[in-house]
PDB file of N, CA and C in Angstrom:
ATOM      1  N   ASN A   1       0.921  -1.307   0.183  1.00  0.00           N
ATOM      2  CA  ASN A   1      -0.150  -0.052  -0.014  1.00  0.00           C
ATOM      3  C   ASN A   1       0.801   0.924  -0.137  1.00  0.00           C
ATOM      4  N   LYS A   2       0.013   1.976  -0.944  1.00  0.00           N
ATOM      5  CA  LYS A   2       0.980   3.561  -0.782  1.00  0.00           C
ATOM      6  C   LYS A   2       0.292   4.249   0.137  1.00  0.00           C
ATOM      7  N   ARG A   3       0.792   5.480   0.928  1.00  0.00           N
ATOM      8  CA  ARG A   3       0.201   6.562   2.181  1.00  0.00           C
ATOM      9  C   ARG A   3       0.805   7.327   1.546  1.00  0.00           C
ATOM     10  N   GLU A   4      -0.294   8.591   1.766  1.00  0.00           N
ATOM     11  CA  GLU A   4       0.079  10.223   0.979  1.00  0.00           C
ATOM     12  C   GLU A   4      -0.904  10.854   2.415  1.00  0.00           C
ATOM     13  N   THR A   5      -0.090  12.069   2.788  1.00  0.00           N
ATOM     14  CA  THR A   5      -0.500  12.756   3.570  1.00  0.00           C
ATOM     15  C   THR A   5      -0.922  14.597   3.275  1.00  0.00           C
ATOM     16  N   ARG A   6      -1.951  14.741   3.374  1.00  0.00           N
ATOM     17  CA  ARG A   6      -2.350  15.906   3.182  1.00  0.00           C
ATOM     18  C   ARG A   6      -2.674  17.234   4.021  1.00  0.00           C
ATOM     19  N   THR A   7      -2.513  18.389   3.635  1.00  0.00           N
ATOM     20  CA  THR A   7      -2.791  19.456   4.754  1.00  0.00           C
ATOM     21  C   THR A   7      -3.056  20.818   3.876  1.00  0.00           C
ATOM     22  N   TRP A   8      -3.524  21.105   4.602  1.00  0.00           N
ATOM     23  CA  TRP A   8      -4.031  22.692   4.026  1.00  0.00           C
ATOM     24  C   TRP A   8      -4.084  23.291   5.603  1.00  0.00           C
ATOM     25  N   GLU A   9      -3.551  25.131   5.659  1.00  0.00           N
ATOM     26  CA  GLU A   9      -3.567  26.303   6.333  1.00  0.00           C
ATOM     27  C   GLU A   9      -4.894  26.945   5.854  1.00  0.00           C
ATOM     28  N   ILE A  10      -5.893  27.333   6.764  1.00  0.00           N
ATOM     29  CA  ILE A  10      -7.094  28.296   6.183  1.00  0.00           C
ATOM     30  C   ILE A  10      -6.553  29.219   7.218  1.00  0.00           C
ATOM     31  N   THR A  11      -6.520  30.403   6.952  1.00  0.00           N
ATOM     32  CA  THR A  11      -6.157  31.998   7.300  1.00  0.00           C
ATOM     33  C   THR A  11      -7.505  32.452   7.535  1.00  0.00           C
ATOM     34  N   VAL A  12      -8.856  33.214   8.308  1.00  0.00           N
ATOM     35  CA  VAL A  12      -9.464  33.821   8.715  1.00  0.00           C
ATOM     36  C   VAL A  12      -9.187  35.113   9.500  1.00  0.00           C
ATOM     37  N   ARG A  13      -9.538  35.949   8.730  1.00  0.00           N
ATOM     38  CA  ARG A  13      -9.182  37.410   9.426  1.00  0.00           C
ATOM     39  C   ARG A  13     -10.609  38.342   9.371  1.00  0.00           C
ATOM     40  N   ASN A  14     -10.941  39.321  11.022  1.00  0.00           N
ATOM     41  CA  ASN A  14     -11.881  39.760  10.810  1.00  0.00           C
ATOM     42  C   ASN A  14     -11.052  40.936  10.661  1.00  0.00           C
ATOM     43  N   THR A  15     -11.724  41.612   9.606  1.00  0.00           N
ATOM     44  CA  THR A  15     -11.334  43.289   9.026  1.00  0.00           C
ATOM     45  C   THR A  15     -12.226  44.102   9.712  1.00  0.00           C
ATOM     46  N   ASN A  16     -12.981  43.791  10.291  1.00  0.00           N
ATOM     47  CA  ASN A  16     -14.146  44.912  10.606  1.00  0.00           C
ATOM     48  C   ASN A  16     -13.485  45.733  11.893  1.00  0.00           C
ATOM     49  N   ARG A  17     -14.444  46.141  12.618  1.00  0.00           N
ATOM     50  CA  ARG A  17     -14.522  47.146  14.027  1.00  0.00           C
ATOM     51  C   ARG A  17     -15.139  46.410  14.713  1.00  0.00           C
ATOM     52  N   GLN A  18     -15.961  45.073  14.292  1.00  0.00           N
ATOM     53  CA  GLN A  18     -16.954  44.842  15.527  1.00  0.00           C
ATOM     54  C   GLN A  18     -16.788  43.068  15.240  1.00  0.00           C
ATOM     55  N   SER A  19     -16.994  42.619  16.528  1.00  0.00           N
ATOM     56  CA  SER A  19     -16.494  41.323  16.465  1.00  0.00           C
ATOM     57  C   SER A  19     -17.612  40.330  15.611  1.00  0.00           C
ATOM     58  N   LEU A  20     -17.327  39.635  14.988  1.00  0.00           N
ATOM     59  CA  LEU A  20     -18.009  38.238  14.502  1.00  0.00           C
ATOM     60  C   LEU A  20     -17.811  37.147  14.794  1.00  0.00           C
ATOM     61  N   ASN A  21     -19.305  36.701  14.617  1.00  0.00           N
ATOM     62  CA  ASN A  21     -19.578  35.213  14.951  1.00  0.00           C
ATOM     63  C   ASN A  21     -19.855  34.720  13.782  1.00  0.00           C
ATOM     64  N   LEU A  22     -18.935  33.370  13.582  1.00  0.00           N
ATOM     65  CA  LEU A  22     -18.576  33.073  11.805  1.00  0.00           C
ATOM     66  C   LEU A  22     -18.169  31.251  11.788  1.00  0.00           C
ATOM     67  N   ARG A  23     -19.449  30.903  11.376  1.00  0.00           N
ATOM     68  CA  ARG A  23     -19.329  29.188  11.122  1.00  0.00           C
ATOM     69  C   ARG A  23     -18.788  28.959   9.458  1.00  0.00           C
ATOM     70  N   LEU A  24     -17.338  28.579   9.210  1.00  0.00           N
ATOM     71  CA  LEU A  24     -16.871  27.828   8.338  1.00  0.00           C
ATOM     72  C   LEU A  24     -17.164  26.750   8.196  1.00  0.00           C
ATOM     73  N   GLU A  25     -17.083  25.998   7.257  1.00  0.00           N
ATOM     74  CA  GLU A  25     -16.932  24.704   6.441  1.00  0.00           C
ATOM     75  C   GLU A  25     -15.960  24.469   5.359  1.00  0.00           C
ATOM     76  N   ASP A  26     -15.707  22.514   5.656  1.00  0.00           N
ATOM     77  CA  ASP A  26     -14.592  23.008   4.858  1.00  0.00           C
ATOM     78  C   ASP A  26     -15.300  20.988   4.679  1.00  0.00           C
ATOM     79  N   GLN A  27     -14.280  20.456   4.165  1.00  0.00           N
ATOM     80  CA  GLN A  27     -14.903  18.824   3.480  1.00  0.00           C
ATOM     81  C   GLN A  27     -13.531  17.922   3.179  1.00  0.00           C
ATOM     82  N   LEU A  28     -13.898  16.866   3.731  1.00  0.00           N
ATOM     83  CA  LEU A  28     -12.256  16.361   3.387  1.00  0.00           C
ATOM     84  C   LEU A  28     -13.166  15.055   2.733  1.00  0.00           C
ATOM     85  N   PRO A  29     -12.112  14.712   1.609  1.00  0.00           N
ATOM     86  CA  PRO A  29     -12.924  13.596   0.744  1.00  0.00           C
ATOM     87  C   PRO A  29     -13.004  12.409   1.794  1.00  0.00           C
ATOM     88  N   ILE A  30     -14.379  11.709   0.611  1.00  0.00           N
ATOM     89  CA  ILE A  30     -14.758  10.375   1.234  1.00  0.00           C
ATOM     90  C   ILE A  30     -14.503   9.217   0.328  1.00  0.00           C
ATOM     91  N   SER A  31     -13.987   8.078   0.138  1.00  0.00           N
ATOM     92  CA  SER A  31     -13.774   7.306  -0.440  1.00  0.00           C
ATOM     93  C   SER A  31     -14.935   6.225  -0.529  1.00  0.00           C
ATOM     94  N   MET A  32     -15.599   5.949  -1.329  1.00  0.00           N
ATOM     95  CA  MET A  32     -16.406   4.391  -1.902  1.00  0.00           C
ATOM     96  C   MET A  32     -15.902   3.488  -1.933  1.00  0.00           C
ATOM     97  N   ASN A  33     -14.621   3.194  -2.065  1.00  0.00           N
ATOM     98  CA  ASN A  33     -13.786   2.218  -2.500  1.00  0.00           C
ATOM     99  C   ASN A  33     -13.379   1.577  -1.105  1.00  0.00           C
ATOM    100  N   LYS A  34     -13.715   0.340  -0.877  1.00  0.00           N
ATOM    101  CA  LYS A  34     -12.884  -0.389   0.176  1.00  0.00           C
ATOM    102  C   LYS A  34     -11.490  -0.122   0.345  1.00  0.00           C
ATOM    103  N   ASP A  35     -10.943  -0.252  -0.625  1.00  0.00           N
ATOM    104  CA  ASP A  35      -9.398  -0.277  -0.962  1.00  0.00           C
ATOM    105  C   ASP A  35      -9.007   0.717  -0.629  1.00  0.00           C
ATOM    106  N   ILE A  36      -9.062   1.529  -0.261  1.00  0.00           N
ATOM    107  CA  ILE A  36      -9.084   3.755  -0.023  1.00  0.00           C
ATOM    108  C   ILE A  36      -9.198   3.890   1.116  1.00  0.00           C
ATOM    109  N   GLU A  37      -8.481   3.920   1.683  1.00  0.00           N
ATOM    110  CA  GLU A  37      -8.533   4.680   3.711  1.00  0.00           C
ATOM    111  C   GLU A  37      -8.392   5.563   3.665  1.00  0.00           C
ATOM    112  N   LEU A  38      -9.325   7.222   4.429  1.00  0.00           N
ATOM    113  CA  LEU A  38      -9.058   8.062   4.575  1.00  0.00           C
ATOM    114  C   LEU A  38      -8.545   8.223   6.016  1.00  0.00           C
ATOM    115  N   GLU A  39      -7.899   8.828   6.420  1.00  0.00           N
ATOM    116  CA  GLU A  39      -7.631   8.793   8.043  1.00  0.00           C
ATOM    117  C   GLU A  39      -7.296  10.380   8.324  1.00  0.00           C
ATOM    118  N   PRO A  40      -8.495  11.239   9.296  1.00  0.00           N
ATOM    119  CA  PRO A  40      -8.423  12.633   9.634  1.00  0.00           C
ATOM    120  C   PRO A  40      -7.069  12.726  10.396  1.00  0.00           C
ATOM    121  N   LEU A  41      -6.322  13.656  10.205  1.00  0.00           N
ATOM    122  CA  LEU A  41      -4.947  13.443  11.169  1.00  0.00           C
ATOM    123  C   LEU A  41      -5.126  15.027  11.973  1.00  0.00           C
ATOM    124  N   ASP A  42      -5.660  16.361  11.585  1.00  0.00           N
ATOM    125  CA  ASP A  42      -6.147  16.788  12.370  1.00  0.00           C
ATOM    126  C   ASP A  42      -7.147  18.147  11.478  1.00  0.00           C
ATOM    127  N   TYR A  43      -7.777  18.664  12.298  1.00  0.00           N
ATOM    128  CA  TYR A  43      -9.568  19.681  12.084  1.00  0.00           C
ATOM    129  C   TYR A  43      -9.453  20.677  12.698  1.00  0.00           C
ATOM    130  N   SER A  44      -7.902  21.287  13.657  1.00  0.00           N
ATOM    131  CA  SER A  44      -8.414  22.099  14.118  1.00  0.00           C
ATOM    132  C   SER A  44      -9.379  22.464  15.213  1.00  0.00           C
ATOM    133  N   GLY A  45      -9.386  21.366  16.233  1.00  0.00           N
ATOM    134  CA  GLY A  45     -10.521  21.852  17.076  1.00  0.00           C
ATOM    135  C   GLY A  45     -12.760  21.703  16.077  1.00  0.00           C
ATOM    136  N   GLY A  46     -12.287  21.489  15.174  1.00  0.00           N
ATOM    137  CA  GLY A  46     -13.699  21.458  14.368  1.00  0.00           C
ATOM    138  C   GLY A  46     -14.907  20.534  14.377  1.00  0.00           C
ATOM    139  N   ASP A  47     -15.673  20.645  14.259  1.00  0.00           N
ATOM    140  CA  ASP A  47     -16.565  19.622  14.471  1.00  0.00           C
ATOM    141  C   ASP A  47     -16.468  18.830  12.803  1.00  0.00           C
ATOM    142  N   TYR A  48     -16.139  17.666  13.541  1.00  0.00           N
ATOM    143  CA  TYR A  48     -15.790  16.480  12.284  1.00  0.00           C
ATOM    144  C   TYR A  48     -17.396  15.557  11.866  1.00  0.00           C
ATOM    145  N   ASN A  49     -17.827  15.010  10.755  1.00  0.00           N
ATOM    146  CA  ASN A  49     -18.847  14.361  10.549  1.00  0.00           C
ATOM    147  C   ASN A  49     -18.212  13.352   9.405  1.00  0.00           C
ATOM    148  N   LYS A  50     -18.177  11.567   9.845  1.00  0.00           N
ATOM    149  CA  LYS A  50     -17.793  11.100   9.349  1.00  0.00           C
ATOM    150  C   LYS A  50     -17.798  10.955   8.204  1.00  0.00           C
ATOM    151  N   GLU A  51     -19.831  10.890   8.247  1.00  0.00           N
ATOM    152  CA  GLU A  51     -20.410   9.789   7.349  1.00  0.00           C
ATOM    153  C   GLU A  51     -20.272  11.034   5.692  1.00  0.00           C
ATOM    154  N   THR A  52     -20.592  12.620   5.676  1.00  0.00           N
ATOM    155  CA  THR A  52     -20.248  13.233   5.006  1.00  0.00           C
ATOM    156  C   THR A  52     -18.650  13.675   4.493  1.00  0.00           C
ATOM    157  N   GLY A  53     -17.633  13.831   6.260  1.00  0.00           N
ATOM    158  CA  GLY A  53     -16.565  14.482   5.689  1.00  0.00           C
ATOM    159  C   GLY A  53     -16.575  15.581   5.587  1.00  0.00           C
ATOM    160  N   ARG A  54     -17.808  16.520   6.250  1.00  0.00           N
ATOM    161  CA  ARG A  54     -17.769  17.933   6.761  1.00  0.00           C
ATOM    162  C   ARG A  54     -17.263  18.146   7.933  1.00  0.00           C
ATOM    163  N   VAL A  55     -16.338  18.969   7.602  1.00  0.00           N
ATOM    164  CA  VAL A  55     -15.835  19.738   9.152  1.00  0.00           C
ATOM    165  C   VAL A  55     -16.412  21.350   8.788  1.00  0.00           C
ATOM    166  N   THR A  56     -16.601  21.283  10.652  1.00  0.00           N
ATOM    167  CA  THR A  56     -17.460  22.835  10.445  1.00  0.00           C
ATOM    168  C   THR A  56     -16.799  23.616  11.755  1.00  0.00           C
ATOM    169  N   TRP A  57     -16.480  24.071  12.142  1.00  0.00           N
ATOM    170  CA  TRP A  57     -15.738  25.917  12.518  1.00  0.00           C
ATOM    171  C   TRP A  57     -16.781  26.635  13.292  1.00  0.00           C
ATOM    172  N   LYS A  58     -17.513  26.420  14.263  1.00  0.00           N
ATOM    173  CA  LYS A  58     -17.916  28.197  14.819  1.00  0.00           C
ATOM    174  C   LYS A  58     -17.304  28.883  15.223  1.00  0.00           C
ATOM    175  N   LEU A  59     -16.454  30.281  14.869  1.00  0.00           N
ATOM    176  CA  LEU A  59     -15.713  30.948  15.522  1.00  0.00           C
ATOM    177  C   LEU A  59     -16.195  32.397  16.036  1.00  0.00           C
ATOM    178  N   LYS A  60     -15.501  32.669  17.120  1.00  0.00           N
ATOM    179  CA  LYS A  60     -15.982  34.576  17.191  1.00  0.00           C
ATOM    180  C   LYS A  60     -14.553  34.814  17.339  1.00  0.00           C
ATOM    181  N   LEU A  61     -14.708  35.703  16.273  1.00  0.00           N
ATOM    182  CA  LEU A  61     -13.347  37.131  15.704  1.00  0.00           C
ATOM    183  C   LEU A  61     -13.844  38.126  16.239  1.00  0.00           C
ATOM    184  N   GLY A  62     -12.710  38.483  17.342  1.00  0.00           N
ATOM    185  CA  GLY A  62     -12.457  40.190  17.637  1.00  0.00           C
ATOM    186  C   GLY A  62     -12.169  40.987  16.187  1.00  0.00           C
ATOM    187  N   PRO A  63     -12.867  41.921  16.736  1.00  0.00           N
ATOM    188  CA  PRO A  63     -11.529  43.288  15.687  1.00  0.00           C
ATOM    189  C   PRO A  63     -10.417  42.910  15.122  1.00  0.00           C
ATOM    190  N   SER A  64     -10.331  43.063  13.856  1.00  0.00           N
ATOM    191  CA  SER A  64      -8.692  42.732  13.140  1.00  0.00           C
ATOM    192  C   SER A  64      -8.299  40.965  13.693  1.00  0.00           C
ATOM    193  N   GLU A  65      -8.669  40.744  14.648  1.00  0.00           N
ATOM    194  CA  GLU A  65      -8.038  39.068  15.042  1.00  0.00           C
ATOM    195  C   GLU A  65      -8.234  38.220  13.660  1.00  0.00           C
ATOM    196  N   GLU A  66      -7.010  37.231  13.948  1.00  0.00           N
ATOM    197  CA  GLU A  66      -6.896  36.224  12.955  1.00  0.00           C
ATOM    198  C   GLU A  66      -7.026  34.810  13.516  1.00  0.00           C
ATOM    199  N   LYS A  67      -7.633  33.863  12.673  1.00  0.00           N
ATOM    200  CA  LYS A  67      -7.016  32.450  13.520  1.00  0.00           C
ATOM    201  C   LYS A  67      -6.747  31.370  12.282  1.00  0.00           C
ATOM    202  N   LYS A  68      -5.882  31.093  12.219  1.00  0.00           N
ATOM    203  CA  LYS A  68      -5.142  29.758  11.190  1.00  0.00           C
ATOM    204  C   LYS A  68      -5.564  28.525  12.091  1.00  0.00           C
ATOM    205  N   LEU A  69      -6.688  27.721  10.872  1.00  0.00           N
ATOM    206  CA  LEU A  69      -6.879  26.494  11.162  1.00  0.00           C
ATOM    207  C   LEU A  69      -6.131  25.844  10.075  1.00  0.00           C
ATOM    208  N   ARG A  70      -6.022  24.152  10.882  1.00  0.00           N
ATOM    209  CA  ARG A  70      -5.684  23.127  10.021  1.00  0.00           C
ATOM    210  C   ARG A  70      -6.531  22.645   9.514  1.00  0.00           C
ATOM    211  N   LEU A  71      -6.260  21.820   8.142  1.00  0.00           N
ATOM    212  CA  LEU A  71      -6.934  20.229   8.014  1.00  0.00           C
ATOM    213  C   LEU A  71      -6.230  19.363   7.223  1.00  0.00           C
ATOM    214  N   ALA A  72      -5.921  18.743   7.924  1.00  0.00           N
ATOM    215  CA  ALA A  72      -4.609  17.140   7.115  1.00  0.00           C
ATOM    216  C   ALA A  72      -5.559  16.282   7.611  1.00  0.00           C
ATOM    217  N   PHE A  73      -5.240  15.350   6.311  1.00  0.00           N
ATOM    218  CA  PHE A  73      -5.675  14.030   6.168  1.00  0.00           C
ATOM    219  C   PHE A  73      -4.908  12.886   5.980  1.00  0.00           C
ATOM    220  N   ALA A  74      -4.665  11.943   5.484  1.00  0.00           N
ATOM    221  CA  ALA A  74      -3.949  10.659   5.401  1.00  0.00           C
ATOM    222  C   ALA A  74      -4.621   9.846   4.626  1.00  0.00           C
ATOM    223  N   ILE A  75      -3.886   9.309   3.348  1.00  0.00           N
ATOM    224  CA  ILE A  75      -4.944   8.028   2.643  1.00  0.00           C
ATOM    225  C   ILE A  75      -3.808   7.048   2.489  1.00  0.00           C
ATOM    226  N   LYS A  76      -4.836   5.868   2.601  1.00  0.00           N
ATOM    227  CA  LYS A  76      -3.923   4.895   2.039  1.00  0.00           C
ATOM    228  C   LYS A  76      -5.008   4.194   0.886  1.00  0.00           C
ATOM    229  N   TYR A  77      -3.610   3.738  -0.083  1.00  0.00           N
ATOM    230  CA  TYR A  77      -4.268   2.578  -1.249  1.00  0.00           C
ATOM    231  C   TYR A  77      -3.480   2.224  -1.730  1.00  0.00           C
ATOM    232  N   PRO A  78      -3.810   0.611  -2.595  1.00  0.00           N
ATOM    233  CA  PRO A  78      -2.554  -0.062  -3.193  1.00  0.00           C
ATOM    234  C   PRO A  78      -1.834   0.677  -3.789  1.00  0.00           C
ATOM    235  N   LYS A  79      -0.421   0.102  -4.130  1.00  0.00           N
ATOM    236  CA  LYS A  79       0.323   0.769  -5.257  1.00  0.00           C
ATOM    237  C   LYS A  79      -0.024   0.810  -6.789  1.00  0.00           C
ATOM    238  N   ASP A  80      -1.314  -0.339  -7.238  1.00  0.00           N
ATOM    239  CA  ASP A  80      -1.247  -0.325  -8.197  1.00  0.00           C
ATOM    240  C   ASP A  80      -2.347   0.665  -8.487  1.00  0.00           C
ATOM    241  N   LYS A  81      -2.997   1.433  -7.930  1.00  0.00           N
ATOM    242  CA  LYS A  81      -3.991   2.135  -8.139  1.00  0.00           C
ATOM    243  C   LYS A  81      -3.833   3.752  -8.194  1.00  0.00           C
ATOM    244  N   ARG A  82      -3.985   4.627  -8.620  1.00  0.00           N
ATOM    245  CA  ARG A  82      -3.637   6.106  -9.094  1.00  0.00           C
ATOM    246  C   ARG A  82      -4.768   6.671  -8.336  1.00  0.00           C
ATOM    247  N   VAL A  83      -4.484   7.955  -7.129  1.00  0.00           N
ATOM    248  CA  VAL A  83      -5.902   8.478  -6.553  1.00  0.00           C
ATOM    249  C   VAL A  83      -5.321  10.082  -7.077  1.00  0.00           C
ATOM    250  N   PHE A  84      -6.211  10.571  -7.212  1.00  0.00           N
ATOM    251  CA  PHE A  84      -5.737  12.166  -7.384  1.00  0.00           C
ATOM    252  C   PHE A  84      -6.919  13.220  -6.365  1.00  0.00           C
ATOM    253  N   ILE A  85      -5.882  13.955  -5.552  1.00  0.00           N
ATOM    254  CA  ILE A  85      -6.822  14.689  -5.127  1.00  0.00           C
ATOM    255  C   ILE A  85      -6.541  16.444  -4.988  1.00  0.00           C
ATOM    256  N   ASP A  86      -7.876  16.672  -5.015  1.00  0.00           N
ATOM    257  CA  ASP A  86      -7.633  18.180  -5.761  1.00  0.00           C
ATOM    258  C   ASP A  86      -7.743  19.032  -4.496  1.00  0.00           C
TER     259      ASP A  86
END
């Protein structure tokens, strides 16, 4: 088997003069092929739904505040297969 890791860093910045509440959503891939396994590694405290792959963060940002979130997963698949991740 082959194993690959993918990581993204998401930066969220409040450019307003007031605090704001923000709901941010992203999604990890889901495999319908039993030979391809996905393992979530890091989602910075967001809520992860295993069935849909959706990660949801509920954030409160003060004026001019910036937060960095990480989204990472590992994918394991047979060597003879090709897997494309965008």
